[in-house]
Structures are given as structure tokens and as C-alpha cells.
C-alpha atoms as a PDB file:
ATOM      1  CA  UNK A   1       0.000   0.000   0.000  1.00  0.00           C
ATOM      2  CA  UNK A   2       1.114   3.574  -0.584  1.00  0.00           C
ATOM      3  CA  UNK A   3       1.683   6.241   2.097  1.00  0.00           C
ATOM      4  CA  UNK A   4       3.229   9.701   2.052  1.00  0.00           C
ATOM      5  CA  UNK A   5       6.375   9.861   4.201  1.00  0.00           C
ATOM      6  CA  UNK A   6       7.650  13.287   5.225  1.00  0.00           C
ATOM      7  CA  UNK A   7      11.102  13.088   6.779  1.00  0.00           C
ATOM      8  CA  UNK A   8      12.132  16.384   8.385  1.00  0.00           C
ATOM      9  CA  UNK A   9      15.572  15.107   9.450  1.00  0.00           C
ATOM     10  CA  UNK A  10      18.409  17.280   8.117  1.00  0.00           C
ATOM     11  CA  UNK A  11      17.414  18.896   4.834  1.00  0.00           C
ATOM     12  CA  UNK A  12      14.230  16.822   4.802  1.00  0.00           C
ATOM     13  CA  UNK A  13      12.289  15.234   1.998  1.00  0.00           C
ATOM     14  CA  UNK A  14       8.830  13.853   1.199  1.00  0.00           C
ATOM     15  CA  UNK A  15       7.802  11.026  -1.075  1.00  0.00           C
ATOM     16  CA  UNK A  16       5.175   8.365  -1.567  1.00  0.00           C
ATOM     17  CA  UNK A  17       6.488   4.959  -0.503  1.00  0.00           C
ATOM     18  CA  UNK A  18       5.120   1.436  -0.548  1.00  0.00           C
ATOM     19  CA  UNK A  19       4.706  -0.414   2.761  1.00  0.00           C
ATOM     20  CA  UNK A  20       3.245  -3.800   3.587  1.00  0.00           C
ATOM     21  CA  UNK A  21      -0.336  -3.874   4.914  1.00  0.00           C
ATOM     22  CA  UNK A  22      -0.237  -4.175   8.710  1.00  0.00           C
ATOM     23  CA  UNK A  23       2.941  -2.083   9.053  1.00  0.00           C
ATOM     24  CA  UNK A  24       3.131  -0.246  12.373  1.00  0.00           C
ATOM     25  CA  UNK A  25       4.576   3.206  12.948  1.00  0.00           C
ATOM     26  CA  UNK A  26       7.443   1.625  14.945  1.00  0.00           C
ATOM     27  CA  UNK A  27       8.292  -0.748  12.088  1.00  0.00           C
ATOM     28  CA  UNK A  28       8.237   2.071   9.530  1.00  0.00           C
ATOM     29  CA  UNK A  29      10.511   4.186  11.743  1.00  0.00           C
ATOM     30  CA  UNK A  30      12.991   1.316  12.172  1.00  0.00           C
ATOM     31  CA  UNK A  31      13.063   0.716   8.400  1.00  0.00           C
ATOM     32  CA  UNK A  32      13.481   4.372   7.423  1.00  0.00           C
ATOM     33  CA  UNK A  33      15.648   5.756  10.238  1.00  0.00           C
ATOM     34  CA  UNK A  34      18.006   2.779  10.730  1.00  0.00           C
ATOM     35  CA  UNK A  35      20.381   4.071  13.454  1.00  0.00           C
ATOM     36  CA  UNK A  36      18.102   6.709  15.019  1.00  0.00           C
ATOM     37  CA  UNK A  37      16.260   6.426  18.324  1.00  0.00           C
ATOM     38  CA  UNK A  38      12.500   7.017  18.126  1.00  0.00           C
ATOM     39  CA  UNK A  39      12.606   8.894  21.440  1.00  0.00           C
ATOM     40  CA  UNK A  40      14.390  11.756  19.636  1.00  0.00           C
ATOM     41  CA  UNK A  41      11.581  12.234  17.098  1.00  0.00           C
ATOM     42  CA  UNK A  42       7.956  13.332  16.975  1.00  0.00           C
ATOM     43  CA  UNK A  43       6.049  10.990  14.692  1.00  0.00           C
ATOM     44  CA  UNK A  44       2.640  12.003  13.398  1.00  0.00           C
ATOM     45  CA  UNK A  45       0.114  10.275  11.189  1.00  0.00           C
ATOM     46  CA  UNK A  46      -2.303  12.558   9.387  1.00  0.00           C
ATOM     47  CA  UNK A  47      -1.022  15.464  11.532  1.00  0.00           C
ATOM     48  CA  UNK A  48      -1.775  13.737  14.861  1.00  0.00           C
ATOM     49  CA  UNK A  49       0.791  12.266  17.297  1.00  0.00           C
ATOM     50  CA  UNK A  50       0.399   8.479  17.450  1.00  0.00           C
ATOM     51  CA  UNK A  51       1.515   5.498  19.492  1.00  0.00           C
ATOM     52  CA  UNK A  52       4.284   3.265  18.102  1.00  0.00           C
ATOM     53  CA  UNK A  53       1.842   0.375  17.619  1.00  0.00           C
ATOM     54  CA  UNK A  54      -0.473   2.429  15.352  1.00  0.00           C
ATOM     55  CA  UNK A  55      -1.113   0.424  12.162  1.00  0.00           C
ATOM     56  CA  UNK A  56      -0.734   2.445   8.971  1.00  0.00           C
ATOM     57  CA  UNK A  57      -3.540   2.664   6.421  1.00  0.00           C
ATOM     58  CA  UNK A  58      -3.517   3.331   2.671  1.00  0.00           C
ATOM     59  CA  UNK A  59      -2.831   7.038   1.888  1.00  0.00           C
ATOM     60  CA  UNK A  60      -1.742   7.903   5.446  1.00  0.00           C
ATOM     61  CA  UNK A  61       0.551  10.915   5.749  1.00  0.00           C
ATOM     62  CA  UNK A  62       3.437  10.156   8.131  1.00  0.00           C
ATOM     63  CA  UNK A  63       5.810  12.878   9.303  1.00  0.00           C
ATOM     64  CA  UNK A  64       9.013  12.325  11.264  1.00  0.00           C
ATOM     65  CA  UNK A  65      10.458  15.421  12.934  1.00  0.00           C
ATOM     66  CA  UNK A  66      13.542  15.579  15.162  1.00  0.00           C
ATOM     67  CA  UNK A  67      12.959  16.955  18.658  1.00  0.00           C
ATOM     68  CA  UNK A  68      16.690  17.480  19.142  1.00  0.00           C
ATOM     69  CA  UNK A  69      18.691  19.460  16.618  1.00  0.00           C
ATOM     70  CA  UNK A  70      22.388  18.650  16.203  1.00  0.00           C
ATOM     71  CA  UNK A  71      24.640  21.492  17.258  1.00  0.00           C
ATOM     72  CA  UNK A  72      21.934  23.320  19.209  1.00  0.00           C
ATOM     73  CA  UNK A  73      22.673  24.290  22.784  1.00  0.00           C
ATOM     74  CA  UNK A  74      20.733  22.696  25.595  1.00  0.00           C
END
């Protein structure tokens, strides 16, 4: 099934991608953000924050936004 993935990490990008039916938000994050920790990101589906076990649906809009910016002071 097709979803829109918006990745706001670094320069950012957005594209439609194919995922398997039954894919959870946590699985998508692990596939797309390999070495990153989900705790450092705000993940939204259709503009709403979601739980990691949320199952994605056809045409969902998923955005991944860093909550910590490299080089920024604390």
C-alpha cells in the first residue's frame, strides 16, 4: 500500500512509498531511520501524534520530525 512519508531530518524530503499492509509506525521508523532512536523524534500520522503500535492505512501521511537538533545548545 502507498503512504506519504515526510522526513524532516536534516534537509528533509517527502515522497510516496510502498509499505506492507499491517505495518506499524514503529516498524516504519525502524526501516526508514536505521540508526536513530525514536525517542528523539515526533512521529505524526495525518497530523496527529500516534503510538508506536499504530497500524498504517492506505494514503496515510506520516511525518518524522527531530525533537533534538544537532549542534543546538541545551
